């Protein structure tokens, strides 16, 4: 089963209000750019803040380019989060394809 979702599909789902976004980047990265609707849980805090994550709606995880978030999705799947998806290309791809005014780094 493919656990990837494109930024275009994420943007469409956000308009329909059907997903939860989780930004796993560090605070310093969040200061550069962010998606306002996202919950921010840095990668290292995921295990102790797992109770904040819903299991009943698509859970889209992202980071800068999609590598760290992929590891979070893999981890969540081992915990039974069948709803976890990795946003392909991360916030960098979001800035290129969805929000061209967003700062890139």
N, C-alpha and C. Protein backbone atom coordinates (compact mmCIF):
# COMPACT_ATOMS: atom_id res chain seq x y z
N UNK A 1 0.85 -1.19 0.00
CA UNK A 1 0.00 0.00 0.00
C UNK A 1 0.88 1.25 0.00
N UNK A 2 0.60 2.16 -0.91
CA UNK A 2 1.40 3.38 -1.02
C UNK A 2 1.03 4.34 0.11
N UNK A 3 2.02 4.76 0.85
CA UNK A 3 1.79 5.67 1.98
C UNK A 3 2.30 7.07 1.66
N UNK A 4 2.26 7.45 0.39
CA UNK A 4 2.67 8.78 -0.06
C UNK A 4 1.44 9.53 -0.56
N UNK A 5 1.47 10.86 -0.39
CA UNK A 5 0.40 11.71 -0.92
C UNK A 5 1.06 12.97 -1.48
N UNK A 6 0.61 13.40 -2.64
CA UNK A 6 1.19 14.57 -3.28
C UNK A 6 0.72 15.85 -2.60
N UNK A 7 1.49 16.91 -2.79
CA UNK A 7 1.09 18.20 -2.22
C UNK A 7 -0.22 18.69 -2.83
N UNK A 8 -0.45 18.37 -4.09
CA UNK A 8 -1.70 18.76 -4.75
C UNK A 8 -2.88 18.05 -4.08
N UNK A 9 -2.73 16.75 -3.82
CA UNK A 9 -3.80 16.00 -3.15
C UNK A 9 -4.01 16.50 -1.72
N UNK A 10 -2.93 16.89 -1.05
CA UNK A 10 -3.05 17.44 0.31
C UNK A 10 -3.84 18.75 0.27
N UNK A 11 -3.49 19.63 -0.65
CA UNK A 11 -4.18 20.92 -0.76
C UNK A 11 -5.67 20.72 -1.03
N UNK A 12 -6.01 19.78 -1.91
CA UNK A 12 -7.43 19.50 -2.20
C UNK A 12 -8.13 18.96 -0.96
N UNK A 13 -7.48 18.05 -0.25
CA UNK A 13 -8.07 17.47 0.96
C UNK A 13 -8.26 18.53 2.04
N UNK A 14 -7.33 19.48 2.12
CA UNK A 14 -7.45 20.56 3.11
C UNK A 14 -8.68 21.41 2.82
N UNK A 15 -8.94 21.67 1.56
CA UNK A 15 -10.12 22.46 1.18
C UNK A 15 -11.41 21.75 1.60
N UNK A 16 -11.36 20.42 1.63
CA UNK A 16 -12.53 19.63 2.01
C UNK A 16 -12.56 19.36 3.52
N UNK A 17 -11.49 19.76 4.23
CA UNK A 17 -11.43 19.59 5.67
C UNK A 17 -11.35 18.15 6.13
N UNK A 18 -10.69 17.32 5.35
CA UNK A 18 -10.69 15.89 5.64
C UNK A 18 -9.36 15.33 6.14
N UNK A 19 -8.39 16.17 6.49
CA UNK A 19 -7.09 15.65 6.90
C UNK A 19 -6.53 16.42 8.09
N UNK A 20 -5.54 15.81 8.72
CA UNK A 20 -4.76 16.48 9.76
C UNK A 20 -3.31 16.48 9.28
N UNK A 21 -2.70 17.66 9.27
CA UNK A 21 -1.30 17.81 8.88
C UNK A 21 -0.43 17.85 10.12
N UNK A 22 0.72 17.15 10.06
CA UNK A 22 1.67 17.17 11.16
C UNK A 22 3.05 17.51 10.60
N UNK A 23 3.58 18.62 11.07
CA UNK A 23 4.91 19.11 10.68
C UNK A 23 5.92 18.57 11.69
N UNK A 24 6.87 17.74 11.23
CA UNK A 24 7.84 17.13 12.15
C UNK A 24 9.21 17.82 12.09
N UNK A 25 9.26 19.01 11.48
CA UNK A 25 10.52 19.75 11.41
C UNK A 25 10.85 20.37 12.77
N UNK A 26 12.06 20.86 12.88
CA UNK A 26 12.52 21.50 14.12
C UNK A 26 11.97 22.93 14.22
N UNK A 27 12.00 23.48 15.42
CA UNK A 27 11.50 24.85 15.66
C UNK A 27 12.19 25.86 14.75
N UNK A 28 13.50 25.71 14.54
CA UNK A 28 14.25 26.65 13.70
C UNK A 28 13.75 26.63 12.26
N UNK A 29 13.32 25.47 11.78
CA UNK A 29 12.78 25.37 10.42
C UNK A 29 11.39 25.99 10.34
N UNK A 30 10.62 25.78 11.38
CA UNK A 30 9.26 26.33 11.44
C UNK A 30 9.29 27.86 11.39
N UNK A 31 10.36 28.45 11.93
CA UNK A 31 10.49 29.90 11.92
C UNK A 31 10.66 30.45 10.50
N UNK A 32 11.13 29.62 9.58
CA UNK A 32 11.35 30.05 8.20
C UNK A 32 10.04 30.03 7.41
N UNK A 33 9.32 28.93 7.52
CA UNK A 33 8.06 28.79 6.79
C UNK A 33 7.23 27.69 7.45
N UNK A 34 5.92 27.80 7.26
CA UNK A 34 5.03 26.79 7.83
C UNK A 34 3.69 26.81 7.12
N UNK A 35 2.97 25.72 7.27
CA UNK A 35 1.60 25.63 6.80
C UNK A 35 0.75 25.87 8.05
N UNK A 36 0.00 26.95 8.05
CA UNK A 36 -0.70 27.41 9.25
C UNK A 36 -1.60 26.34 9.88
N UNK A 37 -2.22 25.51 9.07
CA UNK A 37 -3.17 24.52 9.59
C UNK A 37 -2.51 23.32 10.25
N UNK A 38 -1.21 23.19 10.14
CA UNK A 38 -0.51 22.00 10.64
C UNK A 38 -0.27 22.03 12.14
N UNK A 39 -0.27 20.84 12.72
CA UNK A 39 0.15 20.63 14.10
C UNK A 39 1.67 20.48 14.05
N UNK A 40 2.39 21.15 14.94
CA UNK A 40 3.85 21.02 14.95
C UNK A 40 4.28 20.09 16.08
N UNK A 41 4.86 18.96 15.71
CA UNK A 41 5.45 18.03 16.68
C UNK A 41 6.82 17.65 16.12
N UNK A 42 7.91 18.23 16.65
CA UNK A 42 9.23 17.87 16.15
C UNK A 42 9.46 16.35 16.19
N UNK A 43 10.20 15.87 15.24
CA UNK A 43 10.46 14.43 15.08
C UNK A 43 10.77 13.73 16.40
N UNK A 44 11.66 14.27 17.19
CA UNK A 44 12.06 13.64 18.44
C UNK A 44 10.97 13.58 19.50
N UNK A 45 9.92 14.36 19.32
CA UNK A 45 8.82 14.38 20.30
C UNK A 45 7.65 13.48 19.93
N UNK A 46 7.69 12.89 18.74
CA UNK A 46 6.57 12.06 18.28
C UNK A 46 6.23 10.94 19.27
N UNK A 47 7.20 10.14 19.74
CA UNK A 47 6.82 9.03 20.63
C UNK A 47 6.07 9.47 21.89
N UNK A 48 6.45 10.58 22.49
CA UNK A 48 5.79 10.98 23.74
C UNK A 48 4.54 11.83 23.52
N UNK A 49 4.28 12.21 22.28
CA UNK A 49 3.08 13.02 22.00
C UNK A 49 2.12 12.28 21.07
N UNK A 50 2.27 10.98 21.00
CA UNK A 50 1.49 10.14 20.09
C UNK A 50 -0.02 10.27 20.32
N UNK A 51 -0.42 10.55 21.55
CA UNK A 51 -1.85 10.65 21.85
C UNK A 51 -2.52 11.84 21.17
N UNK A 52 -1.75 12.79 20.66
CA UNK A 52 -2.31 13.93 19.96
C UNK A 52 -2.73 13.59 18.53
N UNK A 53 -2.30 12.44 18.05
CA UNK A 53 -2.54 12.08 16.65
C UNK A 53 -3.82 11.28 16.47
N UNK A 54 -4.70 11.75 15.58
CA UNK A 54 -5.96 11.02 15.36
C UNK A 54 -5.74 9.76 14.52
N UNK A 55 -6.62 8.80 14.71
CA UNK A 55 -6.56 7.56 13.94
C UNK A 55 -7.74 7.44 12.97
N UNK A 56 -8.65 8.41 13.03
CA UNK A 56 -9.90 8.29 12.27
C UNK A 56 -9.97 9.18 11.03
N UNK A 57 -8.93 9.94 10.74
CA UNK A 57 -8.87 10.77 9.53
C UNK A 57 -7.46 10.63 8.93
N UNK A 58 -7.30 10.92 7.64
CA UNK A 58 -5.96 10.86 7.07
C UNK A 58 -5.01 11.77 7.84
N UNK A 59 -3.86 11.24 8.16
CA UNK A 59 -2.84 11.92 8.95
C UNK A 59 -1.64 12.13 8.04
N UNK A 60 -1.44 13.37 7.60
CA UNK A 60 -0.38 13.68 6.64
C UNK A 60 0.82 14.26 7.39
N UNK A 61 1.95 13.55 7.28
CA UNK A 61 3.17 13.93 7.96
C UNK A 61 4.10 14.57 6.93
N UNK A 62 4.76 15.68 7.32
CA UNK A 62 5.73 16.28 6.39
C UNK A 62 6.90 16.88 7.14
N UNK A 63 7.99 17.05 6.39
CA UNK A 63 9.20 17.71 6.90
C UNK A 63 9.70 18.63 5.78
N UNK A 64 11.00 18.78 5.64
CA UNK A 64 11.54 19.67 4.61
C UNK A 64 11.40 19.05 3.22
N UNK A 65 11.97 17.85 3.04
CA UNK A 65 11.94 17.20 1.72
C UNK A 65 11.21 15.86 1.72
N UNK A 66 10.82 15.33 2.87
CA UNK A 66 10.06 14.10 2.91
C UNK A 66 10.78 12.88 3.46
N UNK A 67 12.04 13.02 3.85
CA UNK A 67 12.79 11.87 4.36
C UNK A 67 12.47 11.60 5.84
N UNK A 68 12.56 12.62 6.66
CA UNK A 68 12.25 12.44 8.09
C UNK A 68 10.79 12.05 8.28
N UNK A 69 9.92 12.69 7.52
CA UNK A 69 8.50 12.37 7.65
C UNK A 69 8.22 10.93 7.22
N UNK A 70 8.97 10.44 6.24
CA UNK A 70 8.80 9.04 5.82
C UNK A 70 9.11 8.10 6.98
N UNK A 71 10.16 8.41 7.74
CA UNK A 71 10.51 7.55 8.88
C UNK A 71 9.43 7.63 9.96
N UNK A 72 8.81 8.80 10.13
CA UNK A 72 7.72 8.94 11.10
C UNK A 72 6.52 8.11 10.64
N UNK A 73 6.19 8.16 9.36
CA UNK A 73 5.07 7.36 8.84
C UNK A 73 5.34 5.88 9.08
N UNK A 74 6.56 5.43 8.78
CA UNK A 74 6.91 4.02 9.01
C UNK A 74 6.73 3.65 10.48
N UNK A 75 7.16 4.52 11.37
CA UNK A 75 7.03 4.30 12.81
C UNK A 75 5.55 4.24 13.21
N UNK A 76 4.76 5.20 12.73
CA UNK A 76 3.34 5.23 13.07
C UNK A 76 2.60 3.98 12.58
N UNK A 77 2.99 3.50 11.41
CA UNK A 77 2.36 2.29 10.88
C UNK A 77 2.61 1.10 11.82
N UNK A 78 3.81 1.04 12.40
CA UNK A 78 4.10 -0.06 13.34
C UNK A 78 3.23 0.03 14.59
N UNK A 79 2.72 1.23 14.88
CA UNK A 79 1.85 1.44 16.04
C UNK A 79 0.36 1.32 15.67
N UNK A 80 0.09 0.95 14.44
CA UNK A 80 -1.29 0.75 14.02
C UNK A 80 -1.96 1.95 13.38
N UNK A 81 -1.20 2.98 13.06
CA UNK A 81 -1.77 4.16 12.40
C UNK A 81 -1.85 3.88 10.89
N UNK A 82 -2.91 3.18 10.48
CA UNK A 82 -3.09 2.87 9.06
C UNK A 82 -3.43 4.12 8.25
N UNK A 83 -3.72 5.22 8.93
CA UNK A 83 -4.12 6.47 8.28
C UNK A 83 -2.94 7.41 8.01
N UNK A 84 -1.71 7.01 8.36
CA UNK A 84 -0.55 7.89 8.22
C UNK A 84 -0.04 7.91 6.78
N UNK A 85 0.19 9.13 6.27
CA UNK A 85 0.68 9.33 4.91
C UNK A 85 1.85 10.31 4.93
N UNK A 86 2.80 10.11 4.04
CA UNK A 86 3.94 11.01 3.89
C UNK A 86 3.67 11.98 2.75
N UNK A 87 3.81 13.29 3.01
CA UNK A 87 3.64 14.28 1.95
C UNK A 87 4.91 14.31 1.11
N UNK A 88 4.80 13.79 -0.10
CA UNK A 88 5.93 13.66 -1.01
C UNK A 88 6.58 15.01 -1.28
N UNK A 89 7.88 15.09 -1.07
CA UNK A 89 8.61 16.33 -1.35
C UNK A 89 8.61 17.34 -0.22
N UNK A 90 7.80 17.08 0.82
CA UNK A 90 7.78 17.95 2.00
C UNK A 90 7.35 19.37 1.72
N UNK A 91 7.70 20.24 2.65
CA UNK A 91 7.28 21.64 2.54
C UNK A 91 7.99 22.35 1.39
N UNK A 92 9.14 21.83 0.99
CA UNK A 92 9.85 22.40 -0.17
C UNK A 92 8.98 22.26 -1.42
N UNK A 93 8.42 21.09 -1.61
CA UNK A 93 7.54 20.85 -2.75
C UNK A 93 6.26 21.69 -2.63
N UNK A 94 5.76 21.82 -1.40
CA UNK A 94 4.57 22.66 -1.15
C UNK A 94 4.85 24.09 -1.60
N UNK A 95 6.02 24.60 -1.24
CA UNK A 95 6.39 25.98 -1.60
C UNK A 95 6.52 26.15 -3.11
N UNK A 96 6.98 25.12 -3.79
CA UNK A 96 7.13 25.18 -5.25
C UNK A 96 5.80 25.06 -5.99
N UNK A 97 4.94 24.14 -5.51
CA UNK A 97 3.73 23.81 -6.27
C UNK A 97 2.44 24.43 -5.77
N UNK A 98 2.36 24.75 -4.47
CA UNK A 98 1.10 25.22 -3.90
C UNK A 98 1.16 26.68 -3.47
N UNK A 99 2.20 27.05 -2.74
CA UNK A 99 2.31 28.40 -2.18
C UNK A 99 3.63 29.04 -2.62
N UNK A 100 3.61 29.66 -3.77
CA UNK A 100 4.83 30.22 -4.35
C UNK A 100 5.38 31.41 -3.56
N UNK A 101 4.58 31.98 -2.66
CA UNK A 101 5.05 33.08 -1.83
C UNK A 101 5.81 32.58 -0.59
N UNK A 102 5.74 31.30 -0.31
CA UNK A 102 6.38 30.72 0.87
C UNK A 102 7.90 30.76 0.71
N UNK A 103 8.58 31.12 1.80
CA UNK A 103 10.03 31.10 1.78
C UNK A 103 10.53 29.67 1.64
N UNK A 104 11.63 29.51 0.91
CA UNK A 104 12.24 28.19 0.73
C UNK A 104 13.62 28.20 1.39
N UNK A 105 14.07 27.05 1.80
CA UNK A 105 15.42 26.93 2.38
C UNK A 105 16.02 25.61 1.98
